[in-house]
Amino acid sequence: MVRLAVIGVGRIGGEVAYLAASLGIADELVLFDTAPELLKAQVLDLKHTGLDVAISTDMNAVKEADLCIFSAGMPRNPSVKTRADLLLSNLPATRSCAGILKEFSGVLITVTNPMDINNYYLAKTTGIPRERCIGFGGQLDSARFGLALRERNINGHPSVLGEHGEHQVPVFSRLDVPVTTPLREEILRELQGSSMEVIRGKGGTVFGPALHLAHLARMVLRDTGEAAICSAVLDGEYGLDDCSLGVPVRIGREGIRQIEEWELDPWELDKMAEAGRFVSGLCRKAVT
C-alpha cells in the first residue's frame, strides 16, 4: 500500500490528490487542511469519483505516509508581484506544519511559495535529511522554457535552474544552437511573467503544477531513478550553500539520490550566483 499525504488541499493540493488517485500513483490518501469545510468538500468530491482509494483526514497519519506534499498557505494572486513576496504571509503556515512533520519518515515535496525558502526552512527545522526534502518548481519552469524555445524554433532539452521565481536560470548552453545574450534576456523576462498571465486570467495556475507534481510523485513512489529539475538544499554544490535552489537531480524512493553538477557558461554562472545570494538571504531570515 502506497500512502500519499497532502497538507493543504486547495486548488493545487486537491488536484494532485485527484491525479494521484486517478493515475494509480497512490492507494491511500491522507488529506489535511485548516479549513474544515474545504477539506470535507474535497474528500466528498474525491469519493464521488468512485475511485478505489482510501481517504483519511487524520493528521497523525501524515507521519506514516510514504510521500507528503506540502501545499498549505496563500497562493499567488495578481496583487502579489513575486513569489518571494509571499514569505511573510506563508511562513506561519510552514512553521505550524513543521511540527506535524518532525517524525515524518517519508519524502517531502514542498510546493508552497516561496518554495525554495520553505523547502530550506522545513529541511532545517524538522530534522528531515536534505535528500528527502524536494522543492517543486523546476519541472514547471522548464516546461515553460520549452514552450518559449519552440515558439522561436530553437531545439534542445529545456532546463531551468535557480530560484522558482524572478531569479530563475534558463540553461541555454546545453541547447542545440547558440543563443545570443539579448535573446537570452528576452526569454528570461518572458519566463518571469509567464505564470502571472495565467493568474490574471483564471485566478491561479493549476494544470501545469498539478500534472508535473503527479509525475514527480510517481518518480519517488515508483523509485524510477529519473532525472528532473528540483529544488535541493545545497551544501557546496555549484559553489552555494545555506539555500535551496533548482538543480538537476536523480529521483528515487529515498528522494534525491544525486545532485548533478552541470558545466554552465559565464552568463548562467552569473545568474546562478545571483539566485544563490537572493535566496540564501531569505533563508537566513526564515530560520532566525
Protein backbone atom coordinates (compact mmCIF):
# COMPACT_ATOMS: atom_id res chain seq x y z
CA MET A 1 0.00 0.00 0.00
CA VAL A 2 1.33 3.40 -1.01
CA ARG A 3 0.23 6.30 1.18
CA LEU A 4 0.35 9.86 -0.10
CA ALA A 5 -0.29 12.78 2.25
CA VAL A 6 -1.27 16.26 1.09
CA ILE A 7 -1.07 19.17 3.55
CA GLY A 8 -3.15 21.99 2.12
CA VAL A 9 -5.86 20.69 -0.22
CA GLY A 10 -6.79 23.86 -2.06
CA ARG A 11 -6.51 24.39 -5.80
CA ILE A 12 -3.25 22.54 -6.43
CA GLY A 13 -3.26 20.18 -3.43
CA GLY A 14 -6.74 18.94 -4.25
CA GLU A 15 -5.92 18.46 -7.93
CA VAL A 16 -2.76 16.49 -7.12
CA ALA A 17 -4.71 14.24 -4.76
CA TYR A 18 -7.20 13.56 -7.57
CA LEU A 19 -4.47 12.86 -10.13
CA ALA A 20 -2.60 10.55 -7.74
CA ALA A 21 -5.77 8.55 -7.20
CA SER A 22 -6.92 8.51 -10.82
CA LEU A 23 -3.48 7.61 -12.21
CA GLY A 24 -2.97 4.83 -9.66
CA ILE A 25 0.05 6.52 -8.07
CA ALA A 26 -1.30 6.10 -4.51
CA ASP A 27 -3.56 3.54 -2.85
CA GLU A 28 -4.34 5.71 0.16
CA LEU A 29 -4.62 9.47 0.60
CA VAL A 30 -4.16 11.43 3.80
CA LEU A 31 -5.61 14.92 3.40
CA PHE A 32 -5.18 17.76 5.86
CA ASP A 33 -6.26 21.38 5.79
CA THR A 34 -7.03 24.01 8.41
CA ALA A 35 -10.24 24.93 6.54
CA PRO A 36 -12.66 22.15 7.61
CA GLU A 37 -15.36 22.91 5.03
CA LEU A 38 -12.85 22.84 2.19
CA LEU A 39 -11.37 19.59 3.48
CA LYS A 40 -14.79 17.98 3.77
CA ALA A 41 -15.74 19.11 0.27
CA GLN A 42 -12.52 17.82 -1.30
CA VAL A 43 -12.92 14.43 0.38
CA LEU A 44 -16.52 14.15 -0.77
CA ASP A 45 -15.63 15.24 -4.31
CA LEU A 46 -12.95 12.53 -4.46
CA LYS A 47 -15.36 9.90 -3.15
CA HIS A 48 -17.87 10.87 -5.83
CA THR A 49 -15.36 9.81 -8.49
CA GLY A 50 -15.87 6.19 -7.47
CA LEU A 51 -12.12 5.64 -7.48
CA ASP A 52 -10.86 2.79 -5.33
CA VAL A 53 -8.73 4.83 -2.96
CA ALA A 54 -8.85 5.05 0.82
CA ILE A 55 -9.02 8.58 2.24
CA SER A 56 -8.05 9.64 5.76
CA THR A 57 -8.21 13.07 7.37
CA ASP A 58 -6.32 12.01 10.50
CA MET A 59 -3.45 14.49 10.90
CA ASN A 60 -1.37 11.87 12.75
CA ALA A 61 -1.47 9.60 9.71
CA VAL A 62 0.67 12.12 7.81
CA LYS A 63 3.72 10.91 9.73
CA GLU A 64 3.32 7.39 8.33
CA ALA A 65 2.96 8.44 4.69
CA ASP A 66 5.48 7.38 2.06
CA LEU A 67 5.31 10.82 0.47
CA CYS A 68 3.95 14.15 1.70
CA ILE A 69 3.15 17.12 -0.49
CA PHE A 70 3.21 20.42 1.39
CA SER A 71 0.98 22.93 -0.39
CA ALA A 72 -0.54 24.87 2.51
CA GLY A 73 -0.70 28.65 2.58
CA MET A 74 -1.76 31.55 0.40
CA PRO A 75 -1.45 31.16 -3.37
CA ARG A 76 -0.07 33.91 -5.55
CA ASN A 77 -2.66 36.35 -6.93
CA PRO A 78 -2.48 39.37 -9.28
CA SER A 79 -1.64 41.71 -6.38
CA VAL A 80 1.43 39.65 -5.40
CA LYS A 81 4.27 40.76 -7.66
CA THR A 82 6.72 37.92 -6.97
CA ARG A 83 6.62 34.55 -5.19
CA ALA A 84 9.17 35.84 -2.69
CA ASP A 85 6.62 38.43 -1.56
CA LEU A 86 4.60 35.58 -0.03
CA LEU A 87 7.27 34.73 2.55
CA LEU A 88 5.79 36.64 5.49
CA SER A 89 2.26 35.51 4.60
CA ASN A 90 3.09 31.82 4.30
CA LEU A 91 5.88 31.29 6.83
CA PRO A 92 3.39 30.96 9.75
CA ALA A 93 1.67 28.06 7.95
CA THR A 94 5.04 26.46 7.24
CA ARG A 95 6.08 26.83 10.88
CA SER A 96 2.81 25.33 12.05
CA CYS A 97 3.08 22.32 9.75
CA ALA A 98 6.73 21.73 10.63
CA GLY A 99 5.50 20.26 13.92
CA ILE A 100 3.43 17.66 12.05
CA LEU A 101 6.49 16.64 10.02
CA LYS A 102 9.07 16.27 12.81
CA GLU A 103 8.52 12.49 13.00
CA PHE A 104 7.85 12.08 9.28
CA SER A 105 9.91 9.26 7.76
CA GLY A 106 9.00 9.63 4.09
CA VAL A 107 9.88 12.05 1.30
CA LEU A 108 8.64 15.63 1.48
CA ILE A 109 7.79 17.69 -1.60
CA THR A 110 7.37 21.42 -0.92
CA VAL A 111 5.09 23.44 -3.20
CA THR A 112 4.10 26.43 -1.05
CA ASN A 113 5.67 29.68 -2.26
CA PRO A 114 8.24 30.99 -1.90
CA MET A 115 9.03 27.35 -2.48
CA ASP A 116 12.82 27.38 -2.25
CA ILE A 117 12.79 29.18 1.11
CA ASN A 118 10.03 27.00 2.52
CA ASN A 119 11.85 23.85 1.40
CA TYR A 120 15.02 25.05 3.12
CA TYR A 121 13.11 26.02 6.26
CA LEU A 122 11.41 22.62 6.54
CA ALA A 123 14.68 20.76 5.99
CA LYS A 124 16.38 22.79 8.72
CA THR A 125 13.59 22.73 11.31
CA THR A 126 12.06 19.24 11.01
CA GLY A 127 15.20 17.13 11.04
CA ILE A 128 14.28 15.51 7.74
CA PRO A 129 17.54 14.85 5.84
CA ARG A 130 18.11 17.18 2.91
CA GLU A 131 17.91 14.36 0.35
CA ARG A 132 14.31 13.72 1.46
CA CYS A 133 13.31 17.39 1.08
CA ILE A 134 12.43 18.17 -2.54
CA GLY A 135 11.21 21.55 -3.74
CA PHE A 136 8.82 21.59 -6.70
CA GLY A 137 9.05 24.22 -9.43
CA GLY A 138 11.90 23.41 -11.79
CA GLN A 139 9.87 20.97 -13.89
CA LEU A 140 7.17 23.59 -14.44
CA ASP A 141 9.68 26.37 -15.22
CA SER A 142 11.46 24.04 -17.64
CA ALA A 143 8.19 23.25 -19.44
CA ARG A 144 7.53 26.99 -19.83
CA PHE A 145 11.07 27.42 -21.14
CA GLY A 146 10.42 24.65 -23.66
CA LEU A 147 7.35 26.48 -24.92
CA ALA A 148 9.35 29.70 -25.37
CA LEU A 149 12.03 27.81 -27.31
CA ARG A 150 9.55 26.03 -29.60
CA GLU A 151 7.91 29.34 -30.44
CA ARG A 152 11.33 30.50 -31.67
CA ASN A 153 12.22 27.22 -33.43
CA ILE A 154 15.12 26.56 -31.07
CA ASN A 155 15.80 22.86 -30.45
CA GLY A 156 17.21 21.20 -27.37
CA HIS A 157 16.20 19.94 -23.94
CA PRO A 158 14.78 22.81 -21.83
CA SER A 159 16.05 23.12 -18.27
CA VAL A 160 15.63 25.94 -15.76
CA LEU A 161 17.77 26.04 -12.62
CA GLY A 162 17.95 28.58 -9.79
CA GLU A 163 15.06 30.11 -7.90
CA HIS A 164 11.46 29.24 -8.67
CA GLY A 165 10.80 32.93 -9.14
CA GLU A 166 12.45 36.04 -10.55
CA HIS A 167 15.97 34.61 -10.21
CA GLN A 168 15.45 31.57 -12.39
CA VAL A 169 18.27 30.40 -14.64
CA PRO A 170 17.31 29.03 -18.06
CA VAL A 171 20.17 26.87 -19.33
CA PHE A 172 20.98 27.87 -22.91
CA SER A 173 24.44 26.30 -23.13
CA ARG A 174 23.00 22.76 -23.40
CA LEU A 175 20.72 23.58 -26.36
CA ASP A 176 21.46 22.52 -29.93
CA VAL A 177 22.32 26.05 -31.13
CA PRO A 178 23.97 29.09 -29.53
CA VAL A 179 21.62 31.79 -28.22
CA THR A 180 22.72 35.42 -28.05
CA THR A 181 22.69 37.33 -24.78
CA PRO A 182 19.91 39.75 -25.89
CA LEU A 183 17.68 36.81 -26.82
CA ARG A 184 18.51 35.05 -23.56
CA GLU A 185 17.44 38.13 -21.60
CA GLU A 186 14.25 38.43 -23.67
CA ILE A 187 13.30 34.81 -22.98
CA LEU A 188 14.16 35.18 -19.28
CA ARG A 189 11.84 38.21 -18.97
CA GLU A 190 9.10 36.20 -20.68
CA LEU A 191 9.57 33.28 -18.26
CA GLN A 192 9.48 35.61 -15.25
CA GLY A 193 6.00 36.80 -16.25
CA SER A 194 4.55 33.58 -17.64
CA SER A 195 2.68 32.43 -14.53
CA MET A 196 1.13 35.86 -13.94
CA GLU A 197 -0.60 35.64 -17.33
CA VAL A 198 -2.43 32.55 -16.10
CA ILE A 199 -3.12 34.04 -12.66
CA ARG A 200 -4.67 37.18 -14.12
CA GLY A 201 -6.86 35.17 -16.46
CA LYS A 202 -8.17 32.42 -14.16
CA GLY A 203 -7.05 33.23 -10.64
CA GLY A 204 -4.21 30.75 -10.36
CA THR A 205 -2.13 28.09 -12.06
CA VAL A 206 -3.50 24.55 -11.79
CA PHE A 207 -3.00 22.18 -14.71
CA GLY A 208 0.76 22.64 -15.16
CA PRO A 209 1.77 22.45 -11.49
CA ALA A 210 -0.59 19.58 -10.70
CA LEU A 211 0.47 17.37 -13.61
CA HIS A 212 4.19 17.90 -13.05
CA LEU A 213 3.70 17.26 -9.32
CA ALA A 214 1.93 13.99 -10.10
CA HIS A 215 4.84 12.98 -12.33
CA LEU A 216 7.31 13.86 -9.56
CA ALA A 217 5.29 11.84 -7.02
CA ARG A 218 5.35 8.88 -9.42
CA MET A 219 9.17 9.17 -9.76
CA VAL A 220 9.53 8.97 -5.99
CA LEU A 221 6.98 6.31 -5.21
CA ARG A 222 7.98 4.02 -8.09
CA ASP A 223 11.70 4.54 -7.48
CA THR A 224 12.35 5.37 -11.13
CA GLY A 225 15.77 6.99 -10.84
CA GLU A 226 14.69 9.58 -13.41
CA ALA A 227 16.30 12.98 -13.85
CA ALA A 228 14.38 16.15 -13.00
CA ILE A 229 14.99 19.76 -12.04
CA CYS A 230 14.04 20.16 -8.38
CA SER A 231 14.95 22.50 -5.56
CA ALA A 232 17.51 20.87 -3.28
CA VAL A 233 19.20 22.10 -0.12
CA LEU A 234 22.75 22.81 -1.29
CA ASP A 235 25.94 22.09 0.61
CA GLY A 236 28.66 23.35 -1.70
CA GLU A 237 27.15 22.22 -4.99
CA TYR A 238 27.52 24.95 -7.63
CA GLY A 239 29.60 26.79 -5.06
CA LEU A 240 26.49 27.52 -2.99
CA ASP A 241 25.18 26.64 0.46
CA ASP A 242 22.66 27.86 3.04
CA CYS A 243 19.89 27.80 0.45
CA SER A 244 17.65 25.55 -1.61
CA LEU A 245 17.73 26.04 -5.38
CA GLY A 246 16.62 24.28 -8.52
CA VAL A 247 19.32 21.91 -9.77
CA PRO A 248 19.40 18.72 -11.85
CA VAL A 249 18.82 15.68 -9.64
CA ARG A 250 18.11 11.97 -9.81
CA ILE A 251 14.90 10.97 -8.04
CA GLY A 252 14.08 7.71 -6.27
CA ARG A 253 12.20 6.25 -3.36
CA GLU A 254 14.64 7.83 -0.90
CA GLY A 255 14.17 11.25 -2.51
CA ILE A 256 17.14 12.94 -4.14
CA ARG A 257 19.64 10.21 -5.00
CA GLN A 258 22.16 12.54 -6.57
CA ILE A 259 22.67 16.22 -7.37
CA GLU A 260 24.27 16.58 -10.79
CA GLU A 261 26.66 19.49 -11.28
CA TRP A 262 26.47 20.70 -14.86
CA GLU A 263 29.12 22.82 -16.52
CA LEU A 264 27.47 26.21 -17.02
CA ASP A 265 28.62 29.09 -19.19
CA PRO A 266 29.53 32.54 -17.73
CA TRP A 267 26.03 34.02 -18.25
CA GLU A 268 24.42 31.07 -16.46
CA LEU A 269 27.01 31.04 -13.66
CA ASP A 270 26.38 34.73 -13.04
CA LYS A 271 22.61 34.19 -12.89
CA MET A 272 23.05 31.16 -10.61
CA ALA A 273 25.21 33.20 -8.21
CA GLU A 274 22.56 35.94 -8.16
CA ALA A 275 19.90 33.34 -7.34
CA GLY A 276 22.07 31.95 -4.54
CA ARG A 277 22.63 35.38 -2.98
CA PHE A 278 18.95 36.28 -3.15
CA VAL A 279 17.55 33.00 -1.84
CA SER A 280 20.17 32.47 0.89
CA GLY A 281 19.34 35.92 2.27
CA LEU A 282 15.67 35.00 2.57
CA CYS A 283 16.55 31.56 4.00
CA ARG A 284 18.54 33.22 6.79
CA LYS A 285 15.58 35.44 7.61
CA ALA A 286 13.22 32.45 7.70
CA VAL A 287 15.22 30.34 10.14
CA THR A 288 16.18 33.12 12.58
